[in-house]
Protein backbone atom coordinates (compact mmCIF):
# COMPACT_ATOMS: atom_id res chain seq x y z
CA MET A 1 19.35 -11.67 -6.34
CA PRO A 2 17.32 -11.22 -3.15
CA LYS A 3 15.10 -8.20 -2.74
CA ASN A 4 16.06 -6.97 0.65
CA THR A 5 15.52 -2.98 0.47
CA THR A 6 13.11 -0.39 -0.13
CA VAL A 7 12.71 2.67 -2.18
CA SER A 8 10.27 4.95 -1.51
CA ALA A 9 9.70 8.51 -3.31
CA ARG A 10 6.57 10.76 -3.38
CA ILE A 11 5.05 11.70 -6.45
CA ASP A 12 1.70 13.23 -8.27
CA GLU A 13 -1.02 10.69 -7.35
CA LYS A 14 -2.30 11.17 -10.85
CA LEU A 15 0.88 10.60 -12.62
CA LYS A 16 1.02 7.71 -10.56
CA ALA A 17 -2.02 6.56 -11.14
CA ARG A 18 -1.41 6.81 -15.01
CA ALA A 19 1.46 5.42 -14.89
CA GLU A 20 0.12 1.94 -12.90
CA LYS A 21 -2.63 1.50 -15.54
CA VAL A 22 -0.08 1.51 -18.24
CA MET A 23 2.06 -0.83 -16.05
CA ARG A 24 -1.01 -3.25 -15.73
CA GLN A 25 -1.46 -3.51 -19.30
CA LEU A 26 2.34 -4.60 -19.58
CA GLY A 27 2.26 -7.00 -16.54
CA VAL A 28 4.41 -5.71 -14.49
CA SER A 29 4.88 -4.49 -11.16
CA THR A 30 6.08 -0.89 -9.92
CA THR A 31 8.84 -3.17 -8.40
CA ASP A 32 9.54 -4.68 -11.54
CA VAL A 33 10.01 -1.24 -13.57
CA ILE A 34 12.02 0.33 -10.72
CA THR A 35 14.01 -2.80 -10.80
CA MET A 36 14.44 -2.51 -14.48
CA LEU A 37 15.43 1.07 -14.30
CA TYR A 38 17.83 0.37 -11.79
CA HIS A 39 19.17 -2.45 -13.92
CA GLN A 40 19.76 0.06 -17.08
CA ILE A 41 21.23 2.41 -14.74
CA VAL A 42 24.33 0.36 -13.51
CA LEU A 43 24.18 -1.04 -17.27
CA ARG A 44 24.93 1.85 -18.90
CA GLN A 45 26.47 4.11 -16.32
CA GLY A 46 23.81 6.50 -16.09
CA ILE A 47 20.54 7.50 -16.85
CA PRO A 48 18.96 5.49 -19.78
CA PHE A 49 17.08 8.35 -21.48
CA ASP A 50 18.17 11.61 -22.28
CA VAL A 51 17.65 14.24 -19.67
CA LYS A 52 18.18 17.55 -20.97
CA VAL A 53 17.27 20.97 -20.19
CA PRO A 54 14.17 22.22 -22.00
CA ASN A 55 14.42 24.75 -24.63
CA ALA A 56 12.20 27.81 -24.38
CA GLU A 57 10.15 26.49 -26.88
CA THR A 58 9.53 23.16 -24.78
CA ARG A 59 8.62 25.22 -21.81
CA ARG A 60 6.43 27.00 -23.31
CA ALA A 61 4.50 24.14 -24.54
CA MET A 62 4.58 22.21 -21.10
CA ARG A 63 3.10 25.33 -19.38
CA GLU A 64 0.31 25.29 -22.13
CA LEU A 65 -0.26 21.60 -21.72
CA GLU A 66 -0.13 21.88 -17.48
CA ALA A 67 -2.43 24.97 -18.34
CA GLY A 68 -5.03 22.50 -20.00
CA LYS A 69 -4.57 24.21 -23.36
CA GLY A 70 -3.29 22.93 -26.52
CA GLU A 71 -3.78 20.02 -28.91
CA VAL A 72 -4.82 16.61 -28.53
CA HIS A 73 -4.24 14.29 -31.22
CA THR A 74 -5.32 10.91 -31.78
CA GLY A 75 -4.94 8.11 -34.00
CA SER A 76 -1.47 6.38 -34.93
CA THR A 77 1.88 8.31 -35.73
CA ALA A 78 1.68 7.88 -39.41
CA GLU A 79 -1.89 9.44 -39.36
CA LEU A 80 -0.53 12.86 -37.86
CA PHE A 81 2.58 12.91 -39.53
CA ASP A 82 0.31 12.49 -43.07
CA LYS A 83 -1.91 15.38 -41.26
CA ILE A 84 1.21 17.71 -40.07
CA ILE A 85 3.51 17.10 -43.57
CA GLY A 86 1.01 15.64 -45.99
CA SER A 87 0.20 11.86 -47.57
CA ARG A 88 3.02 9.84 -47.88
CA LYS A 89 1.09 8.48 -50.50
C-alpha cells in the first residue's frame, strides 16, 4: 500500500523518547509501529489490547509512581515471583 497520508499526535516528550529507544532496539520506526497498530485495529475490529477504567487500587499505584514513589524491581519476572511467593523449586 502506498503511504499517502499523515497521522499527527501530541504526546509527552519523555514517553516519546522512551518508546523510540525501545523501537530502535527492535529495529522498527514510529511509522512502522503506527502502521502495525492500525492493521491490528482493522483485523480485530477494535483496540488490540484491553482498555479499561482502572480500579481504585490501580489509580492509587499510578499516582504513587507519578510522584516518584513505589518499588522498583530489577531482574527477571521469575525472580520477582520467587521473591514475592517464595522459591518454586
